[in-house]
Amino acid sequence: MTAPPGPALLAVDLGLRSGLARFGADGRLQWYRSQNFGTHARLKRAVPAVLQDASPLAWLVLEGGGPIADVWEREALRRALPVLRVAAEDWRHRLLYAREQRSGALAKDAADGLARRVIDWSHAPRPTSLRHDAAEAILLGLWGALEVGWLAQVPAEVRR
């Protein structure tokens, strides 16, 4: 998938199956997907190509930590790409209601609905099915666009 021109933010919901979402400097979602790397070794080999495919990038936003985050961070460092790392609880606190965060299952359901509103607001292609990792990457990217100042607030069309 070729990235549109201009600086962007790539949000990654970390895992061997990762959610990826690219946001433009206007704060709108440009593309999203779920990618199954299968093994840690395949992930290590794939990360440079994923970042190249999403270029030009101004930010990399990662949810989570551990060895998988380290792979992404090392490649970002090699490219002098700034990284924001956040825990799911932190971005969820900003975007979801407290009642939607009482369990992981509730949070994932709420994330799906909110991600679909971001897709509609951004005029991105609608999914036939939306995996939870892609939905969470979309919301992570929205959080990142707010954090770096590309959006002043959650757009009214996305708010519930």
N, C-alpha and C. Protein backbone atom coordinates (compact mmCIF):
# COMPACT_ATOMS: atom_id res chain seq x y z
N MET A 1 0.85 -1.18 0.00
CA MET A 1 0.00 0.00 0.00
C MET A 1 0.89 1.24 0.00
N THR A 2 0.78 2.06 -1.00
CA THR A 2 1.60 3.25 -1.09
C THR A 2 0.96 4.37 -0.28
N ALA A 3 1.81 5.05 0.47
CA ALA A 3 1.32 6.12 1.34
C ALA A 3 1.11 7.40 0.53
N PRO A 4 0.09 8.18 0.88
CA PRO A 4 -0.07 9.49 0.26
C PRO A 4 1.10 10.39 0.64
N PRO A 5 1.37 11.42 -0.18
CA PRO A 5 2.49 12.31 0.15
C PRO A 5 2.22 13.11 1.42
N GLY A 6 3.29 13.65 1.98
CA GLY A 6 3.18 14.48 3.17
C GLY A 6 3.50 13.72 4.43
N PRO A 7 3.90 14.45 5.46
CA PRO A 7 4.27 13.80 6.71
C PRO A 7 3.07 13.11 7.34
N ALA A 8 3.35 12.02 8.02
CA ALA A 8 2.26 11.25 8.60
C ALA A 8 2.69 10.66 9.92
N LEU A 9 1.73 10.08 10.58
CA LEU A 9 1.91 9.38 11.84
C LEU A 9 1.47 7.95 11.60
N LEU A 10 2.30 6.99 12.01
CA LEU A 10 1.93 5.59 11.92
C LEU A 10 1.68 5.08 13.33
N ALA A 11 0.48 4.58 13.57
CA ALA A 11 0.11 4.01 14.86
C ALA A 11 0.14 2.49 14.75
N VAL A 12 0.76 1.84 15.75
CA VAL A 12 0.90 0.39 15.72
C VAL A 12 0.40 -0.19 17.04
N ASP A 13 -0.65 -1.01 16.95
CA ASP A 13 -1.11 -1.81 18.07
C ASP A 13 -0.24 -3.06 18.03
N LEU A 14 0.74 -3.12 18.95
CA LEU A 14 1.80 -4.11 18.89
C LEU A 14 1.35 -5.53 19.12
N GLY A 15 2.01 -6.44 18.45
CA GLY A 15 1.81 -7.87 18.61
C GLY A 15 2.39 -8.58 17.40
N LEU A 16 2.43 -9.89 17.45
CA LEU A 16 2.82 -10.62 16.24
C LEU A 16 1.75 -10.42 15.18
N ARG A 17 0.50 -10.21 15.61
CA ARG A 17 -0.55 -9.70 14.73
C ARG A 17 -0.75 -8.26 15.17
N SER A 18 -0.37 -7.35 14.32
CA SER A 18 -0.40 -5.92 14.66
C SER A 18 -1.47 -5.20 13.88
N GLY A 19 -2.03 -4.18 14.52
CA GLY A 19 -2.90 -3.25 13.83
C GLY A 19 -2.05 -2.06 13.42
N LEU A 20 -2.26 -1.57 12.20
CA LEU A 20 -1.50 -0.44 11.67
C LEU A 20 -2.49 0.61 11.16
N ALA A 21 -2.20 1.88 11.44
CA ALA A 21 -3.06 2.96 10.95
C ALA A 21 -2.19 4.17 10.66
N ARG A 22 -2.34 4.72 9.45
CA ARG A 22 -1.57 5.91 9.04
C ARG A 22 -2.50 7.11 9.03
N PHE A 23 -2.07 8.18 9.70
CA PHE A 23 -2.81 9.44 9.77
C PHE A 23 -2.00 10.53 9.11
N GLY A 24 -2.66 11.39 8.33
CA GLY A 24 -2.00 12.55 7.74
C GLY A 24 -1.89 13.68 8.74
N ALA A 25 -1.14 14.70 8.37
CA ALA A 25 -0.93 15.85 9.25
C ALA A 25 -2.23 16.62 9.50
N ASP A 26 -3.28 16.36 8.71
CA ASP A 26 -4.59 16.96 8.96
C ASP A 26 -5.35 16.21 10.05
N GLY A 27 -4.74 15.14 10.58
CA GLY A 27 -5.36 14.37 11.64
C GLY A 27 -6.34 13.31 11.16
N ARG A 28 -6.46 13.16 9.85
CA ARG A 28 -7.40 12.18 9.30
C ARG A 28 -6.71 10.86 8.96
N LEU A 29 -7.44 9.79 9.18
CA LEU A 29 -6.98 8.45 8.86
C LEU A 29 -6.83 8.32 7.35
N GLN A 30 -5.68 7.81 6.91
CA GLN A 30 -5.46 7.60 5.48
C GLN A 30 -5.62 6.13 5.09
N TRP A 31 -5.07 5.24 5.91
CA TRP A 31 -5.27 3.80 5.68
C TRP A 31 -5.06 3.05 6.99
N TYR A 32 -5.54 1.81 6.99
CA TYR A 32 -5.44 0.97 8.19
C TYR A 32 -5.45 -0.48 7.73
N ARG A 33 -4.88 -1.32 8.56
CA ARG A 33 -4.89 -2.75 8.26
C ARG A 33 -4.41 -3.54 9.48
N SER A 34 -4.63 -4.83 9.39
CA SER A 34 -4.10 -5.77 10.37
C SER A 34 -3.05 -6.59 9.64
N GLN A 35 -1.93 -6.84 10.29
CA GLN A 35 -0.87 -7.61 9.65
C GLN A 35 -0.36 -8.68 10.61
N ASN A 36 -0.35 -9.91 10.14
CA ASN A 36 0.13 -11.02 10.94
C ASN A 36 1.57 -11.32 10.55
N PHE A 37 2.50 -11.03 11.46
CA PHE A 37 3.91 -11.28 11.20
C PHE A 37 4.29 -12.73 11.50
N GLY A 38 3.51 -13.41 12.33
CA GLY A 38 3.71 -14.83 12.59
C GLY A 38 4.76 -15.16 13.64
N THR A 39 5.97 -14.68 13.43
CA THR A 39 7.06 -14.95 14.37
C THR A 39 7.84 -13.67 14.63
N HIS A 40 8.58 -13.68 15.72
CA HIS A 40 9.40 -12.52 16.06
C HIS A 40 10.45 -12.26 14.96
N ALA A 41 11.03 -13.31 14.42
CA ALA A 41 12.04 -13.16 13.36
C ALA A 41 11.44 -12.51 12.11
N ARG A 42 10.24 -12.93 11.73
CA ARG A 42 9.59 -12.33 10.55
C ARG A 42 9.21 -10.88 10.82
N LEU A 43 8.79 -10.59 12.05
CA LEU A 43 8.49 -9.22 12.43
C LEU A 43 9.73 -8.34 12.26
N LYS A 44 10.87 -8.81 12.77
CA LYS A 44 12.12 -8.04 12.67
C LYS A 44 12.48 -7.74 11.22
N ARG A 45 12.28 -8.71 10.36
CA ARG A 45 12.59 -8.51 8.94
C ARG A 45 11.58 -7.58 8.26
N ALA A 46 10.34 -7.58 8.72
CA ALA A 46 9.27 -6.83 8.06
C ALA A 46 9.18 -5.37 8.47
N VAL A 47 9.58 -5.04 9.70
CA VAL A 47 9.39 -3.67 10.21
C VAL A 47 10.01 -2.60 9.30
N PRO A 48 11.24 -2.76 8.80
CA PRO A 48 11.77 -1.72 7.91
C PRO A 48 10.89 -1.49 6.67
N ALA A 49 10.36 -2.56 6.09
CA ALA A 49 9.50 -2.42 4.92
C ALA A 49 8.17 -1.75 5.27
N VAL A 50 7.62 -2.08 6.44
CA VAL A 50 6.37 -1.45 6.86
C VAL A 50 6.57 0.06 7.02
N LEU A 51 7.66 0.45 7.66
CA LEU A 51 7.93 1.88 7.84
C LEU A 51 8.20 2.56 6.51
N GLN A 52 8.88 1.89 5.62
CA GLN A 52 9.15 2.46 4.29
C GLN A 52 7.84 2.64 3.53
N ASP A 53 6.96 1.65 3.60
CA ASP A 53 5.67 1.70 2.93
C ASP A 53 4.82 2.87 3.43
N ALA A 54 4.95 3.19 4.70
CA ALA A 54 4.15 4.26 5.31
C ALA A 54 4.81 5.64 5.17
N SER A 55 6.04 5.69 4.68
CA SER A 55 6.78 6.96 4.59
C SER A 55 6.14 7.91 3.59
N PRO A 56 6.34 9.22 3.78
CA PRO A 56 7.17 9.86 4.79
C PRO A 56 6.44 9.94 6.14
N LEU A 57 7.17 9.65 7.19
CA LEU A 57 6.61 9.66 8.54
C LEU A 57 7.25 10.75 9.39
N ALA A 58 6.42 11.38 10.22
CA ALA A 58 6.90 12.35 11.19
C ALA A 58 6.87 11.77 12.60
N TRP A 59 6.01 10.74 12.82
CA TRP A 59 5.85 10.13 14.15
C TRP A 59 5.54 8.65 14.02
N LEU A 60 5.99 7.89 15.00
CA LEU A 60 5.61 6.50 15.18
C LEU A 60 4.99 6.40 16.57
N VAL A 61 3.77 5.89 16.65
CA VAL A 61 3.07 5.77 17.92
C VAL A 61 2.85 4.28 18.20
N LEU A 62 3.32 3.83 19.34
CA LEU A 62 3.26 2.42 19.70
C LEU A 62 2.43 2.22 20.96
N GLU A 63 1.56 1.22 20.92
CA GLU A 63 0.84 0.83 22.13
C GLU A 63 1.50 -0.43 22.66
N GLY A 64 2.05 -0.31 23.86
CA GLY A 64 2.64 -1.48 24.50
C GLY A 64 4.14 -1.37 24.63
N GLY A 65 4.75 -2.47 25.04
CA GLY A 65 6.19 -2.48 25.27
C GLY A 65 6.75 -3.86 25.00
N GLY A 66 7.89 -4.12 25.61
CA GLY A 66 8.52 -5.43 25.49
C GLY A 66 9.35 -5.58 24.24
N PRO A 67 9.73 -6.82 23.92
CA PRO A 67 10.63 -7.07 22.80
C PRO A 67 10.07 -6.64 21.44
N ILE A 68 8.76 -6.73 21.27
CA ILE A 68 8.18 -6.32 19.98
C ILE A 68 8.29 -4.80 19.82
N ALA A 69 8.02 -4.05 20.88
CA ALA A 69 8.18 -2.60 20.83
C ALA A 69 9.63 -2.23 20.56
N ASP A 70 10.55 -2.98 21.14
CA ASP A 70 11.98 -2.69 20.94
C ASP A 70 12.36 -2.79 19.47
N VAL A 71 11.81 -3.75 18.75
CA VAL A 71 12.10 -3.90 17.31
C VAL A 71 11.68 -2.63 16.57
N TRP A 72 10.47 -2.17 16.82
CA TRP A 72 9.96 -0.96 16.16
C TRP A 72 10.78 0.26 16.55
N GLU A 73 11.10 0.38 17.84
CA GLU A 73 11.86 1.54 18.31
C GLU A 73 13.26 1.58 17.73
N ARG A 74 13.92 0.43 17.63
CA ARG A 74 15.27 0.42 17.04
C ARG A 74 15.25 0.90 15.60
N GLU A 75 14.27 0.44 14.83
CA GLU A 75 14.20 0.87 13.43
C GLU A 75 13.83 2.35 13.34
N ALA A 76 12.97 2.83 14.22
CA ALA A 76 12.64 4.26 14.24
C ALA A 76 13.87 5.09 14.58
N LEU A 77 14.66 4.63 15.56
CA LEU A 77 15.88 5.33 15.94
C LEU A 77 16.85 5.40 14.76
N ARG A 78 16.97 4.30 14.03
CA ARG A 78 17.84 4.25 12.85
C ARG A 78 17.41 5.29 11.81
N ARG A 79 16.13 5.59 11.76
CA ARG A 79 15.58 6.56 10.81
C ARG A 79 15.41 7.96 11.41
N ALA A 80 15.81 8.14 12.66
CA ALA A 80 15.63 9.41 13.38
C ALA A 80 14.15 9.80 13.42
N LEU A 81 13.30 8.82 13.62
CA LEU A 81 11.86 9.01 13.67
C LEU A 81 11.41 9.06 15.12
N PRO A 82 10.79 10.16 15.55
CA PRO A 82 10.32 10.24 16.94
C PRO A 82 9.25 9.20 17.24
N VAL A 83 9.30 8.66 18.46
CA VAL A 83 8.38 7.60 18.88
C VAL A 83 7.62 8.04 20.13
N LEU A 84 6.32 7.81 20.12
CA LEU A 84 5.49 7.95 21.32
C LEU A 84 5.05 6.55 21.71
N ARG A 85 5.32 6.17 22.97
CA ARG A 85 4.84 4.89 23.48
C ARG A 85 3.79 5.16 24.52
N VAL A 86 2.72 4.38 24.45
CA VAL A 86 1.61 4.60 25.36
C VAL A 86 0.99 3.25 25.74
N ALA A 87 0.46 3.20 26.93
CA ALA A 87 -0.29 2.02 27.36
C ALA A 87 -1.74 2.19 26.90
N ALA A 88 -2.39 1.08 26.64
CA ALA A 88 -3.79 1.12 26.18
C ALA A 88 -4.66 1.92 27.14
N GLU A 89 -4.42 1.76 28.43
CA GLU A 89 -5.25 2.46 29.42
C GLU A 89 -5.17 3.97 29.25
N ASP A 90 -4.01 4.48 28.83
CA ASP A 90 -3.84 5.93 28.70
C ASP A 90 -4.61 6.50 27.52
N TRP A 91 -4.49 5.87 26.34
CA TRP A 91 -5.26 6.42 25.22
C TRP A 91 -6.75 6.15 25.40
N ARG A 92 -7.10 5.01 25.99
CA ARG A 92 -8.51 4.72 26.23
C ARG A 92 -9.13 5.73 27.19
N HIS A 93 -8.37 6.15 28.20
CA HIS A 93 -8.86 7.13 29.16
C HIS A 93 -9.26 8.42 28.45
N ARG A 94 -8.52 8.80 27.42
CA ARG A 94 -8.79 10.05 26.71
C ARG A 94 -9.94 9.91 25.71
N LEU A 95 -10.15 8.71 25.16
CA LEU A 95 -11.12 8.56 24.07
C LEU A 95 -12.40 7.80 24.42
N LEU A 96 -12.36 6.99 25.46
CA LEU A 96 -13.52 6.18 25.81
C LEU A 96 -14.11 6.62 27.15
N TYR A 97 -15.39 6.39 27.31
CA TYR A 97 -16.03 6.66 28.59
C TYR A 97 -15.57 5.63 29.61
N ALA A 98 -15.63 6.00 30.89
CA ALA A 98 -15.22 5.09 31.96
C ALA A 98 -16.03 3.79 31.93
N ARG A 99 -17.32 3.89 31.64
CA ARG A 99 -18.16 2.69 31.60
C ARG A 99 -17.75 1.73 30.49
N GLU A 100 -17.07 2.25 29.46
CA GLU A 100 -16.62 1.42 28.34
C GLU A 100 -15.28 0.74 28.63
N GLN A 101 -14.67 1.11 29.75
CA GLN A 101 -13.35 0.59 30.08
C GLN A 101 -13.38 -0.40 31.25
N ARG A 102 -14.56 -0.81 31.66
CA ARG A 102 -14.67 -1.70 32.83
C ARG A 102 -14.06 -3.07 32.59
N SER A 103 -13.97 -3.48 31.32
CA SER A 103 -13.31 -4.75 30.98
C SER A 103 -12.67 -4.61 29.61
N GLY A 104 -11.77 -5.50 29.32
CA GLY A 104 -11.12 -5.48 28.01
C GLY A 104 -12.12 -5.70 26.89
N ALA A 105 -13.08 -6.58 27.12
CA ALA A 105 -14.09 -6.87 26.10
C ALA A 105 -14.95 -5.63 25.81
N LEU A 106 -15.38 -4.93 26.87
CA LEU A 106 -16.16 -3.70 26.68
C LEU A 106 -15.34 -2.66 25.92
N ALA A 107 -14.08 -2.51 26.29
CA ALA A 107 -13.21 -1.52 25.64
C ALA A 107 -13.03 -1.86 24.16
N LYS A 108 -12.87 -3.13 23.83
CA LYS A 108 -12.70 -3.53 22.43
C LYS A 108 -13.97 -3.27 21.63
N ASP A 109 -15.14 -3.52 22.21
CA ASP A 109 -16.40 -3.22 21.53
C ASP A 109 -16.56 -1.72 21.29
N ALA A 110 -16.26 -0.93 22.30
CA ALA A 110 -16.36 0.52 22.17
C ALA A 110 -15.36 1.03 21.13
N ALA A 111 -14.16 0.46 21.14
CA ALA A 111 -13.13 0.86 20.18
C ALA A 111 -13.59 0.61 18.75
N ASP A 112 -14.27 -0.50 18.52
CA ASP A 112 -14.76 -0.83 17.19
C ASP A 112 -15.71 0.25 16.68
N GLY A 113 -16.69 0.63 17.50
CA GLY A 113 -17.66 1.65 17.09
C GLY A 113 -17.01 3.01 16.85
N LEU A 114 -16.12 3.40 17.75
CA LEU A 114 -15.44 4.69 17.60
C LEU A 114 -14.52 4.68 16.38
N ALA A 115 -13.82 3.58 16.15
CA ALA A 115 -12.93 3.48 14.99
C ALA A 115 -13.73 3.61 13.69
N ARG A 116 -14.90 3.03 13.65
CA ARG A 116 -15.74 3.15 12.45
C ARG A 116 -16.17 4.60 12.20
N ARG A 117 -16.38 5.36 13.27
CA ARG A 117 -16.71 6.78 13.10
C ARG A 117 -15.50 7.56 12.59
N VAL A 118 -14.30 7.19 13.05
CA VAL A 118 -13.07 7.83 12.55
C VAL A 118 -12.91 7.52 11.06
N ILE A 119 -13.17 6.27 10.67
CA ILE A 119 -13.09 5.88 9.26
C ILE A 119 -14.05 6.72 8.43
N ASP A 120 -15.29 6.85 8.88
CA ASP A 120 -16.29 7.64 8.14
C ASP A 120 -15.88 9.11 8.07
N TRP A 121 -15.46 9.69 9.18
CA TRP A 121 -15.06 11.10 9.22
C TRP A 121 -13.87 11.36 8.31
N SER A 122 -12.98 10.40 8.22
CA SER A 122 -11.77 10.54 7.41
C SER A 122 -12.00 10.22 5.93
N HIS A 123 -13.18 9.70 5.61
CA HIS A 123 -13.49 9.26 4.24
C HIS A 123 -12.53 8.16 3.78
N ALA A 124 -12.10 7.33 4.72
CA ALA A 124 -11.26 6.17 4.40
C ALA A 124 -12.19 5.04 3.95
N PRO A 125 -11.66 4.09 3.20
CA PRO A 125 -12.50 2.98 2.76
C PRO A 125 -13.10 2.23 3.96
N ARG A 126 -14.38 1.92 3.85
CA ARG A 126 -15.05 1.18 4.93
C ARG A 126 -14.62 -0.28 4.90
N PRO A 127 -14.46 -0.86 6.08
CA PRO A 127 -14.03 -2.26 6.12
C PRO A 127 -15.19 -3.22 5.88
N THR A 128 -14.87 -4.39 5.33
CA THR A 128 -15.88 -5.44 5.28
C THR A 128 -15.97 -6.05 6.68
N SER A 129 -14.81 -6.20 7.31
CA SER A 129 -14.75 -6.57 8.73
C SER A 129 -13.58 -5.80 9.32
N LEU A 130 -13.70 -5.45 10.58
CA LEU A 130 -12.67 -4.64 11.23
C LEU A 130 -12.12 -5.44 12.41
N ARG A 131 -10.89 -5.90 12.29
CA ARG A 131 -10.25 -6.64 13.38
C ARG A 131 -10.00 -5.69 14.54
N HIS A 132 -10.03 -6.22 15.76
CA HIS A 132 -9.86 -5.35 16.93
C HIS A 132 -8.48 -4.69 16.95
N ASP A 133 -7.44 -5.34 16.43
CA ASP A 133 -6.11 -4.72 16.44
C ASP A 133 -6.06 -3.52 15.50
N ALA A 134 -6.74 -3.60 14.35
CA ALA A 134 -6.81 -2.46 13.44
C ALA A 134 -7.65 -1.33 14.05
N ALA A 135 -8.77 -1.69 14.69
CA ALA A 135 -9.61 -0.68 15.34
C ALA A 135 -8.83 0.05 16.43
N GLU A 136 -8.07 -0.71 17.22
CA GLU A 136 -7.30 -0.08 18.28
C GLU A 136 -6.16 0.77 17.70
N ALA A 137 -5.56 0.36 16.58
CA ALA A 137 -4.53 1.18 15.94
C ALA A 137 -5.12 2.50 15.45
N ILE A 138 -6.35 2.45 14.94
CA ILE A 138 -7.02 3.67 14.48
C ILE A 138 -7.18 4.64 15.65
N LEU A 139 -7.65 4.14 16.79
CA LEU A 139 -7.85 5.02 17.94
C LEU A 139 -6.53 5.47 18.53
N LEU A 140 -5.55 4.61 18.51
CA LEU A 140 -4.20 4.99 18.94
C LEU A 140 -3.68 6.13 18.07
N GLY A 141 -3.91 6.04 16.77
CA GLY A 141 -3.51 7.11 15.85
C GLY A 141 -4.25 8.40 16.10
N LEU A 142 -5.54 8.30 16.40
CA LEU A 142 -6.33 9.50 16.74
C LEU A 142 -5.74 10.13 18.00
N TRP A 143 -5.45 9.31 19.01
CA TRP A 143 -4.82 9.81 20.24
C TRP A 143 -3.48 10.48 19.89
N GLY A 144 -2.69 9.85 19.03
CA GLY A 144 -1.40 10.42 18.64
C GLY A 144 -1.55 11.75 17.93
N ALA A 145 -2.54 11.87 17.04
CA ALA A 145 -2.77 13.13 16.34
C ALA A 145 -3.14 14.24 17.33
N LEU A 146 -3.87 13.90 18.37
CA LEU A 146 -4.18 14.86 19.43
C LEU A 146 -2.92 15.22 20.21
N GLU A 147 -2.12 14.21 20.57
CA GLU A 147 -0.91 14.43 21.36
C GLU A 147 0.12 15.33 20.66
N VAL A 148 0.30 15.13 19.35
CA VAL A 148 1.31 15.92 18.64
C VAL A 148 0.78 17.25 18.12
N GLY A 149 -0.52 17.51 18.38
CA GLY A 149 -1.09 18.80 18.02
C GLY A 149 -1.64 18.90 16.62
N TRP A 150 -1.79 17.77 15.93
CA TRP A 150 -2.38 17.80 14.59
C TRP A 150 -3.88 18.00 14.65
N LEU A 151 -4.48 17.62 15.77
CA LEU A 151 -5.89 17.90 16.05
C LEU A 151 -5.97 18.58 17.40
N ALA A 152 -6.82 19.61 17.50
CA ALA A 152 -6.98 20.32 18.77
C ALA A 152 -7.90 19.55 19.71
N GLN A 153 -8.84 18.80 19.14
CA GLN A 153 -9.79 18.01 19.93
C GLN A 153 -10.35 16.90 19.06
N VAL A 154 -11.02 15.98 19.70
CA VAL A 154 -11.68 14.91 18.93
C VAL A 154 -12.75 15.58 18.07
N PRO A 155 -12.74 15.31 16.76
CA PRO A 155 -13.73 15.95 15.88
C PRO A 155 -15.17 15.65 16.32
N ALA A 156 -16.02 16.64 16.15
CA ALA A 156 -17.42 16.52 16.57
C ALA A 156 -18.11 15.33 15.90
N GLU A 157 -17.75 15.04 14.65
CA GLU A 157 -18.36 13.93 13.93
C GLU A 157 -17.99 12.56 14.50
N VAL A 158 -16.88 12.53 15.25
CA VAL A 158 -16.41 11.29 15.84
C VAL A 158 -16.97 11.13 17.25
N ARG A 159 -17.16 12.25 17.94
CA ARG A 159 -17.70 12.23 19.32
C ARG A 159 -19.07 11.60 19.34
N ARG A 160 -19.39 11.01 20.48
CA ARG A 160 -20.73 10.40 20.61
C ARG A 160 -21.60 11.27 21.44
